[in-house]
Amino acid sequence: MPDVARSVLDEAWGRIPHTRETSDDPGSFTQKRIERVITLLVGPACLVLGVQAFIAAFGPSDEAPGWHLSLVVGVFVPLVAMVVACAVNRFARVFSGLFAVLFMVALALWPVATSGGQAPSPTENPWIFYLINVATVATVVAFPLPLQVAWTVAAPLLFGVVRLLQAGGRPEFLLPVALDVSFALLLGSVLVTLTWMYRSIAANVDETRARAVASYAAAAATAATEHERVAVAALMHDSVLGALLAAERAATPRERTLAVSMAREALTRLANAEKDALEGSDEPMDAMALADDIEASARDLGAELTVTRRVQEGTPRVPGRVARALVLAAMQAVANAVQHAEARALSVEVTGSAEPGGVLIRVRDAGRGFDVNAIPADRLGIRGSIIARVTAVGGRSMVDSSPAGTTVTLEWESGDRW
């Protein structure tokens, strides 16, 4: 039952609140939310550190003339683009990765850019230092975990190397640079570890949810299969029992023909029990063709009747599944009239209306009638073959019986769900 399992899975997933990020894939429900939270947090955090670095960039500069503006533009323009992209959740990975790469390029060029510039101070860090962990955070959005770790380690170490090269390896720079590198390594490691931990938790939650939904789908599909088997078995029992009773009571050629037809239908149902009860073409048909099918099926039951047609121009065509259900339900009503009312005053009328648009079928006989409410629960001739069958395709049915006769009304409107 793969189709049943799939439909139940979709129903279960439909019970979970959805947003634009999670409406497509039930397997990443929490992960997508965590990714969105990380992106939203990265934007403001990088903005704060970026403003601090930007303010520092307007102070005394270590770069040689001509380098300062180029480095500032080359670093801060991608940074602003990354912050905006994270805020609007568009192209965040692209611009975050671009900033992380350009920052490393700027950091690698730092010794060249500061060559011939002002002598650095061991107690004052250059503006580029404040962006080391911004680059680390950018990799959290843009790159997989191995590259995040590589950037977390490489960026502080590269800063330490280029800072010592800028200072010419003077001993008074060793301790301050070591402290700066250690601080950047620790902070970057904490940030990468936290995001990895939250992503792992989200992945585990999604995996657990997917297993739970799959288990529910399997259980529901099994229950639906068993319910369907019980319903089919009850319907088969009713058809076979009805055929046997008709054969036992047959006294006239018409009754014998009806009994043979009922037995043939019961055998056909048994042979096709594992198939769709509404198999056949789904090509829509008009109300006149529907009346023709009822006449032909009635002849197979031994009942010669002419269906009265009242079909307006513009009557909508009836979907194939609906048409088959209406014909089968109408023939069950005809069979009941032949069997229990000896087809006295048997008539069938098909009415088609253009507004509101639909088809109505009435099967009448002049038998002695019966009490609809007194039908035993295990008798499915009316409940299963007429009422349930029409309801299953979005139609309506009504059985009105009295001592003056019985009228079975079947109705389908084009606006009904089928």
Protein backbone atom coordinates (compact mmCIF):
# COMPACT_ATOMS: atom_id res chain seq x y z
CA MET A 1 0.00 0.00 0.00
CA PRO A 2 2.64 2.64 -0.96
CA ASP A 3 -0.01 5.18 -2.02
CA VAL A 4 -1.88 4.84 1.26
CA ALA A 5 1.34 5.18 3.25
CA ARG A 6 2.31 8.26 1.29
CA SER A 7 -1.11 9.91 1.75
CA VAL A 8 -1.07 9.22 5.48
CA LEU A 9 2.48 10.59 5.71
CA ASP A 10 1.34 13.78 3.98
CA GLU A 11 -1.63 14.04 6.34
CA ALA A 12 0.60 13.66 9.39
CA TRP A 13 3.06 16.25 8.10
CA GLY A 14 0.16 18.57 7.38
CA ARG A 15 -0.65 18.70 11.10
CA ILE A 16 2.68 20.45 11.82
CA PRO A 17 2.67 24.28 11.50
CA HIS A 18 4.47 25.37 8.36
CA THR A 19 6.36 28.43 7.17
CA ARG A 20 7.95 29.28 3.85
CA GLU A 21 11.23 27.66 4.92
CA THR A 22 9.71 24.36 6.03
CA SER A 23 6.65 23.72 3.89
CA ASP A 24 8.41 21.44 1.42
CA ASP A 25 10.49 18.97 3.39
CA PRO A 26 9.36 17.35 6.67
CA GLY A 27 12.91 16.03 7.13
CA SER A 28 14.43 19.48 7.76
CA PHE A 29 11.74 21.13 9.87
CA THR A 30 14.04 22.16 12.77
CA GLN A 31 17.25 22.45 10.78
CA LYS A 32 15.88 25.21 8.56
CA ARG A 33 14.71 27.15 11.57
CA ILE A 34 18.09 26.84 13.24
CA GLU A 35 19.79 28.01 10.04
CA ARG A 36 17.49 31.02 9.93
CA VAL A 37 18.19 31.84 13.60
CA ILE A 38 21.95 31.59 13.01
CA THR A 39 21.68 33.87 9.99
CA LEU A 40 19.65 36.43 11.95
CA LEU A 41 22.17 36.42 14.81
CA VAL A 42 25.20 36.67 12.53
CA GLY A 43 23.96 39.90 10.94
CA PRO A 44 23.69 42.05 14.12
CA ALA A 45 26.82 40.51 15.68
CA CYS A 46 28.92 41.25 12.60
CA LEU A 47 27.40 44.72 12.41
CA VAL A 48 28.52 45.54 15.97
CA LEU A 49 32.08 44.31 15.40
CA GLY A 50 32.15 45.88 11.96
CA VAL A 51 31.21 49.30 13.36
CA GLN A 52 33.97 48.95 15.95
CA ALA A 53 36.51 48.14 13.22
CA PHE A 54 35.18 50.89 10.98
CA ILE A 55 35.62 53.49 13.72
CA ALA A 56 39.15 52.19 14.36
CA ALA A 57 39.90 52.50 10.65
CA PHE A 58 39.45 56.30 10.89
CA GLY A 59 42.16 56.55 13.54
CA PRO A 60 45.92 56.50 12.98
CA SER A 61 46.65 54.11 10.15
CA ASP A 62 49.51 51.61 9.91
CA GLU A 63 49.18 51.25 6.14
CA ALA A 64 51.40 52.98 3.64
CA PRO A 65 49.88 55.79 1.56
CA GLY A 66 47.50 54.43 -1.11
CA TRP A 67 46.76 51.17 0.70
CA HIS A 68 44.43 52.27 3.46
CA LEU A 69 41.43 53.24 1.33
CA SER A 70 41.78 50.16 -0.89
CA LEU A 71 41.82 47.79 2.08
CA VAL A 72 38.95 49.55 3.84
CA VAL A 73 36.75 49.42 0.74
CA GLY A 74 37.78 45.85 -0.11
CA VAL A 75 36.84 44.62 3.37
CA PHE A 76 33.90 46.76 4.49
CA VAL A 77 31.86 46.67 1.28
CA PRO A 78 31.60 42.83 1.37
CA LEU A 79 30.91 43.09 5.12
CA VAL A 80 27.96 45.43 4.61
CA ALA A 81 26.66 43.18 1.81
CA MET A 82 26.89 40.16 4.15
CA VAL A 83 25.02 41.94 6.97
CA VAL A 84 22.21 43.01 4.61
CA ALA A 85 22.01 39.53 3.03
CA CYS A 86 21.74 37.89 6.47
CA ALA A 87 19.02 40.36 7.52
CA VAL A 88 16.85 39.74 4.46
CA ASN A 89 17.76 36.04 4.20
CA ARG A 90 18.81 36.32 0.56
CA PHE A 91 22.22 35.20 -0.76
CA ALA A 92 23.57 35.07 2.80
CA ARG A 93 25.91 32.18 2.03
CA VAL A 94 27.31 33.86 -1.07
CA PHE A 95 28.16 37.19 0.54
CA SER A 96 29.35 35.59 3.78
CA GLY A 97 31.75 33.39 1.86
CA LEU A 98 32.87 36.37 -0.24
CA PHE A 99 33.68 38.40 2.88
CA ALA A 100 35.54 35.51 4.53
CA VAL A 101 37.77 35.05 1.47
CA LEU A 102 38.41 38.76 0.87
CA PHE A 103 39.26 39.27 4.54
CA MET A 104 41.93 36.56 4.34
CA VAL A 105 43.29 38.18 1.18
CA ALA A 106 43.44 41.56 2.92
CA LEU A 107 45.11 39.97 5.94
CA ALA A 108 47.70 38.28 3.73
CA LEU A 109 48.44 41.64 2.06
CA TRP A 110 48.85 43.42 5.39
CA PRO A 111 52.68 43.18 5.55
CA VAL A 112 52.91 44.65 2.05
CA ALA A 113 50.32 47.33 2.80
CA THR A 114 52.10 48.42 6.01
CA SER A 115 55.60 48.39 4.52
CA GLY A 116 56.90 51.95 4.73
CA GLY A 117 53.98 53.07 6.92
CA GLN A 118 53.97 54.26 10.49
CA ALA A 119 55.70 52.16 13.10
CA PRO A 120 53.15 49.98 14.91
CA SER A 121 52.50 50.14 18.64
CA PRO A 122 52.49 46.86 20.63
CA THR A 123 49.59 48.10 22.79
CA GLU A 124 47.28 49.14 19.93
CA ASN A 125 45.77 46.70 17.50
CA PRO A 126 45.09 47.68 13.89
CA TRP A 127 41.49 47.92 12.70
CA ILE A 128 41.72 44.65 10.80
CA PHE A 129 42.17 42.75 14.07
CA TYR A 130 38.54 43.42 15.10
CA LEU A 131 37.28 41.56 12.03
CA ILE A 132 39.05 38.24 12.66
CA ASN A 133 36.10 36.66 14.45
CA VAL A 134 33.68 38.31 12.01
CA ALA A 135 35.37 36.26 9.31
CA THR A 136 35.03 33.17 11.52
CA VAL A 137 31.31 33.82 11.99
CA ALA A 138 30.93 34.37 8.24
CA THR A 139 32.25 30.87 7.59
CA VAL A 140 29.57 29.47 9.93
CA VAL A 141 26.97 30.70 7.46
CA ALA A 142 28.87 30.04 4.24
CA PHE A 143 31.06 26.95 4.60
CA PRO A 144 30.84 23.35 5.87
CA LEU A 145 32.35 22.42 9.23
CA PRO A 146 35.90 21.50 8.02
CA LEU A 147 36.34 24.91 6.40
CA GLN A 148 34.89 26.61 9.47
CA VAL A 149 37.55 24.95 11.61
CA ALA A 150 40.24 25.84 9.09
CA TRP A 151 39.22 29.53 9.08
CA THR A 152 38.95 29.59 12.89
CA VAL A 153 42.55 28.43 13.20
CA ALA A 154 44.05 30.07 10.12
CA ALA A 155 42.72 33.61 10.57
CA PRO A 156 44.21 34.25 14.06
CA LEU A 157 47.49 32.53 13.19
CA LEU A 158 47.79 34.50 9.96
CA PHE A 159 47.16 37.70 11.89
CA GLY A 160 49.92 36.78 14.34
CA VAL A 161 52.36 36.12 11.50
CA VAL A 162 51.58 39.31 9.57
CA ARG A 163 51.63 41.37 12.78
CA LEU A 164 55.11 40.12 13.66
CA LEU A 165 56.25 40.72 10.08
CA GLN A 166 54.90 44.27 10.29
CA ALA A 167 56.79 44.81 13.59
CA GLY A 168 59.96 43.32 12.18
CA GLY A 169 59.93 40.53 14.81
CA ARG A 170 60.60 42.89 17.75
CA PRO A 171 60.45 41.03 21.11
CA GLU A 172 58.01 43.47 22.72
CA PHE A 173 55.37 42.35 20.19
CA LEU A 174 55.56 38.64 21.05
CA LEU A 175 53.40 38.66 24.19
CA PRO A 176 50.66 41.05 22.92
CA VAL A 177 50.41 39.17 19.62
CA ALA A 178 50.26 35.80 21.43
CA LEU A 179 47.43 37.11 23.66
CA ASP A 180 45.52 38.49 20.67
CA VAL A 181 45.90 35.25 18.75
CA SER A 182 44.83 33.17 21.76
CA PHE A 183 41.77 35.36 22.35
CA ALA A 184 40.70 35.13 18.69
CA LEU A 185 41.24 31.35 18.68
CA LEU A 186 39.17 30.84 21.85
CA LEU A 187 36.31 33.08 20.75
CA GLY A 188 36.23 31.61 17.26
CA SER A 189 36.29 28.05 18.65
CA VAL A 190 33.36 28.82 20.96
CA LEU A 191 31.29 30.28 18.12
CA VAL A 192 31.96 27.37 15.77
CA THR A 193 31.31 24.81 18.52
CA LEU A 194 27.99 26.40 19.50
CA THR A 195 26.68 26.47 15.94
CA TRP A 196 27.83 22.90 15.35
CA MET A 197 26.07 21.80 18.55
CA TYR A 198 22.77 23.50 17.65
CA ARG A 199 22.87 22.11 14.15
CA SER A 200 23.51 18.60 15.46
CA ILE A 201 20.60 18.89 17.88
CA ALA A 202 18.35 20.12 15.08
CA ALA A 203 19.41 17.24 12.83
CA ASN A 204 18.67 14.72 15.61
CA VAL A 205 15.27 16.28 16.26
CA ASP A 206 14.39 16.12 12.56
CA GLU A 207 15.55 12.51 12.31
CA THR A 208 13.48 11.53 15.34
CA ARG A 209 10.44 13.35 13.96
CA ALA A 210 10.83 11.69 10.56
CA ARG A 211 10.98 8.25 12.20
CA ALA A 212 7.91 9.03 14.30
CA VAL A 213 5.92 10.25 11.31
CA ALA A 214 7.02 7.22 9.27
CA SER A 215 5.94 4.88 12.09
CA TYR A 216 2.59 6.63 12.30
CA ALA A 217 2.17 6.39 8.52
CA ALA A 218 2.98 2.67 8.54
CA ALA A 219 0.55 1.99 11.39
CA ALA A 220 -2.21 4.06 9.81
CA ALA A 221 -1.66 2.41 6.42
CA THR A 222 -1.91 -1.02 8.04
CA ALA A 223 -5.11 -0.01 9.82
CA ALA A 224 -6.56 1.40 6.58
CA THR A 225 -5.70 -1.82 4.76
CA GLU A 226 -7.40 -3.94 7.39
CA HIS A 227 -10.45 -1.67 7.40
CA GLU A 228 -10.64 -1.91 3.62
CA ARG A 229 -10.40 -5.70 3.75
CA VAL A 230 -13.21 -5.87 6.29
CA ALA A 231 -15.39 -3.58 4.15
CA VAL A 232 -14.66 -5.57 0.99
CA ALA A 233 -15.35 -8.84 2.80
CA ALA A 234 -18.68 -7.50 4.08
CA LEU A 235 -19.63 -6.30 0.61
CA MET A 236 -18.68 -9.64 -0.93
CA HIS A 237 -20.71 -11.45 1.70
CA ASP A 238 -23.72 -9.25 0.98
CA SER A 239 -23.42 -9.74 -2.81
CA VAL A 240 -23.03 -13.51 -2.58
CA LEU A 241 -25.84 -13.83 -0.04
CA GLY A 242 -28.14 -11.67 -2.18
CA ALA A 243 -27.38 -13.81 -5.25
CA LEU A 244 -28.12 -17.01 -3.33
CA LEU A 245 -31.40 -15.65 -1.94
CA ALA A 246 -32.44 -14.46 -5.41
CA ALA A 247 -31.66 -17.89 -6.86
CA GLU A 248 -33.64 -19.62 -4.10
CA ARG A 249 -36.72 -17.42 -4.59
CA ALA A 250 -36.61 -17.28 -8.41
CA ALA A 251 -39.91 -18.52 -9.80
CA THR A 252 -40.23 -16.64 -13.09
CA PRO A 253 -37.86 -16.34 -16.04
CA ARG A 254 -37.20 -12.70 -15.17
CA GLU A 255 -36.30 -13.59 -11.57
CA ARG A 256 -34.03 -16.39 -12.76
CA THR A 257 -32.28 -14.00 -15.17
CA LEU A 258 -31.83 -11.52 -12.34
CA ALA A 259 -30.38 -14.23 -10.09
CA VAL A 260 -27.88 -15.23 -12.79
CA SER A 261 -26.88 -11.60 -13.28
CA MET A 262 -26.43 -11.09 -9.53
CA ALA A 263 -24.33 -14.23 -9.28
CA ARG A 264 -22.17 -13.06 -12.20
CA GLU A 265 -21.66 -9.67 -10.53
CA ALA A 266 -20.73 -11.33 -7.24
CA LEU A 267 -18.16 -13.53 -8.97
CA THR A 268 -16.74 -10.50 -10.79
CA ARG A 269 -16.37 -8.63 -7.51
CA LEU A 270 -14.60 -11.57 -5.94
CA ALA A 271 -12.21 -11.79 -8.88
CA ASN A 272 -11.45 -8.05 -8.68
CA ALA A 273 -11.43 -7.69 -4.90
CA GLU A 274 -7.80 -6.49 -4.88
CA LYS A 275 -8.41 -3.93 -7.63
CA ASP A 276 -9.92 -0.49 -7.56
CA ALA A 277 -13.68 -0.83 -7.42
CA LEU A 278 -13.96 2.15 -9.72
CA GLU A 279 -11.51 0.97 -12.35
CA GLY A 280 -11.88 2.14 -15.93
CA SER A 281 -11.46 5.29 -17.93
CA ASP A 282 -11.64 8.63 -16.17
CA GLU A 283 -12.83 10.35 -19.35
CA PRO A 284 -15.84 12.58 -18.52
CA MET A 285 -19.19 11.66 -20.04
CA ASP A 286 -22.39 13.61 -20.64
CA ALA A 287 -25.74 12.92 -18.99
CA MET A 288 -27.19 11.32 -22.15
CA ALA A 289 -24.39 8.73 -22.22
CA LEU A 290 -25.02 8.13 -18.53
CA ALA A 291 -28.64 7.28 -19.32
CA ASP A 292 -27.51 4.96 -22.12
CA ASP A 293 -25.24 3.07 -19.71
CA ILE A 294 -28.11 2.62 -17.25
CA GLU A 295 -30.35 1.21 -19.99
CA ALA A 296 -27.65 -1.21 -21.17
CA SER A 297 -26.91 -2.38 -17.62
CA ALA A 298 -30.64 -2.86 -16.93
CA ARG A 299 -30.92 -5.13 -19.97
CA ASP A 300 -28.11 -7.25 -18.52
CA LEU A 301 -30.27 -7.67 -15.42
CA GLY A 302 -33.24 -8.76 -17.54
CA ALA A 303 -35.13 -5.50 -17.06
CA GLU A 304 -36.23 -3.84 -20.29
CA LEU A 305 -36.73 -0.18 -19.52
CA THR A 306 -36.37 3.15 -21.24
CA VAL A 307 -34.66 5.86 -19.24
CA THR A 308 -36.49 9.17 -19.31
CA ARG A 309 -34.08 11.95 -20.21
CA ARG A 310 -34.52 15.58 -19.19
CA VAL A 311 -31.14 17.09 -19.96
CA GLN A 312 -30.73 20.85 -20.35
CA GLU A 313 -28.26 22.33 -22.77
CA GLY A 314 -25.09 23.28 -20.92
CA THR A 315 -25.30 20.42 -18.41
CA PRO A 316 -21.73 19.75 -17.26
CA ARG A 317 -20.02 16.51 -18.17
CA VAL A 318 -19.72 13.99 -15.37
CA PRO A 319 -16.22 12.77 -14.39
CA GLY A 320 -15.58 9.12 -15.22
CA ARG A 321 -15.34 7.88 -11.63
CA VAL A 322 -18.50 9.72 -10.65
CA ALA A 323 -20.38 8.39 -13.68
CA ARG A 324 -19.46 4.77 -12.88
CA ALA A 325 -20.49 5.19 -9.27
CA LEU A 326 -23.87 6.67 -10.29
CA VAL A 327 -24.52 3.89 -12.82
CA LEU A 328 -23.60 1.15 -10.32
CA ALA A 329 -25.75 2.74 -7.61
CA ALA A 330 -28.67 3.13 -10.01
CA MET A 331 -28.34 -0.52 -11.09
CA GLN A 332 -28.37 -1.63 -7.46
CA ALA A 333 -31.63 0.26 -7.04
CA VAL A 334 -33.02 -1.36 -10.23
CA ALA A 335 -31.93 -4.80 -9.00
CA ASN A 336 -33.67 -4.20 -5.67
CA ALA A 337 -36.84 -3.15 -7.52
CA VAL A 338 -36.77 -6.26 -9.70
CA GLN A 339 -36.03 -8.57 -6.77
CA HIS A 340 -38.34 -7.15 -4.11
CA ALA A 341 -41.02 -5.32 -6.11
CA GLU A 342 -41.10 -7.54 -9.22
CA ALA A 343 -40.27 -4.41 -11.24
CA ARG A 344 -43.81 -3.06 -10.90
CA ALA A 345 -44.02 0.42 -12.49
CA LEU A 346 -40.22 0.47 -12.61
CA SER A 347 -38.92 3.71 -14.12
CA VAL A 348 -35.63 5.53 -14.27
CA GLU A 349 -35.30 9.26 -14.90
CA VAL A 350 -32.05 11.17 -15.62
CA THR A 351 -32.21 14.95 -15.23
CA GLY A 352 -29.37 17.25 -16.21
CA SER A 353 -29.28 20.90 -15.19
CA ALA A 354 -27.01 23.65 -16.42
CA GLU A 355 -27.53 25.80 -13.31
CA PRO A 356 -26.24 25.11 -10.69
CA GLY A 357 -24.91 22.30 -12.87
CA GLY A 358 -25.32 18.62 -12.11
CA VAL A 359 -27.10 15.34 -12.71
CA LEU A 360 -30.00 13.78 -10.82
CA ILE A 361 -31.14 10.15 -11.20
CA ARG A 362 -34.43 8.78 -9.83
CA VAL A 363 -35.32 5.09 -9.72
CA ARG A 364 -38.98 4.43 -8.86
CA ASP A 365 -41.07 1.31 -8.38
CA ALA A 366 -44.59 0.59 -7.11
CA GLY A 367 -43.71 -2.21 -4.70
CA ARG A 368 -44.97 -2.53 -1.14
CA GLY A 369 -41.94 -0.60 0.18
CA PHE A 370 -39.93 -1.18 3.32
CA ASP A 371 -38.68 0.59 6.46
CA VAL A 372 -35.31 2.12 5.63
CA ASN A 373 -34.37 2.50 9.30
CA ALA A 374 -35.05 -1.18 9.97
CA ILE A 375 -32.40 -2.47 7.56
CA PRO A 376 -29.89 -4.66 9.49
CA ALA A 377 -26.40 -3.21 9.85
CA ASP A 378 -24.82 -6.15 8.04
CA ARG A 379 -26.95 -5.65 4.91
CA LEU A 380 -24.90 -3.51 2.57
CA GLY A 381 -27.07 -3.53 -0.57
CA ILE A 382 -28.36 -0.02 0.12
CA ARG A 383 -25.76 1.27 2.56
CA GLY A 384 -22.70 0.05 0.69
CA SER A 385 -23.78 -0.20 -2.95
CA ILE A 386 -25.89 2.95 -3.09
CA ILE A 387 -25.38 5.43 -0.24
CA ALA A 388 -21.67 4.85 0.48
CA ARG A 389 -20.78 4.48 -3.20
CA VAL A 390 -22.34 7.83 -4.18
CA THR A 391 -21.02 9.61 -1.10
CA ALA A 392 -17.49 8.40 -1.90
CA VAL A 393 -17.48 10.43 -5.14
CA GLY A 394 -18.95 13.57 -3.57
CA GLY A 395 -22.58 12.94 -4.45
CA ARG A 396 -25.75 12.65 -2.40
CA SER A 397 -28.35 9.89 -2.21
CA MET A 398 -31.76 9.49 -0.62
CA VAL A 399 -34.04 6.47 -0.27
CA ASP A 400 -37.74 7.21 0.25
CA SER A 401 -39.95 4.16 0.71
CA SER A 402 -43.62 3.76 1.65
CA PRO A 403 -46.42 1.23 1.00
CA ALA A 404 -47.05 3.08 -2.27
CA GLY A 405 -43.56 2.38 -3.58
CA THR A 406 -39.86 3.25 -3.33
CA THR A 407 -37.89 6.13 -4.84
CA VAL A 408 -34.09 6.17 -4.86
CA THR A 409 -32.61 9.60 -5.69
CA LEU A 410 -28.95 10.02 -6.69
CA GLU A 411 -27.56 13.52 -7.14
CA TRP A 412 -24.21 14.99 -8.15
CA GLU A 413 -23.35 18.66 -8.65
CA SER A 414 -20.33 19.86 -10.62
CA GLY A 415 -19.15 21.97 -7.70
CA ASP A 416 -18.99 18.94 -5.36
CA ARG A 417 -15.69 17.43 -4.44
CA TRP A 418 -15.09 14.11 -6.12
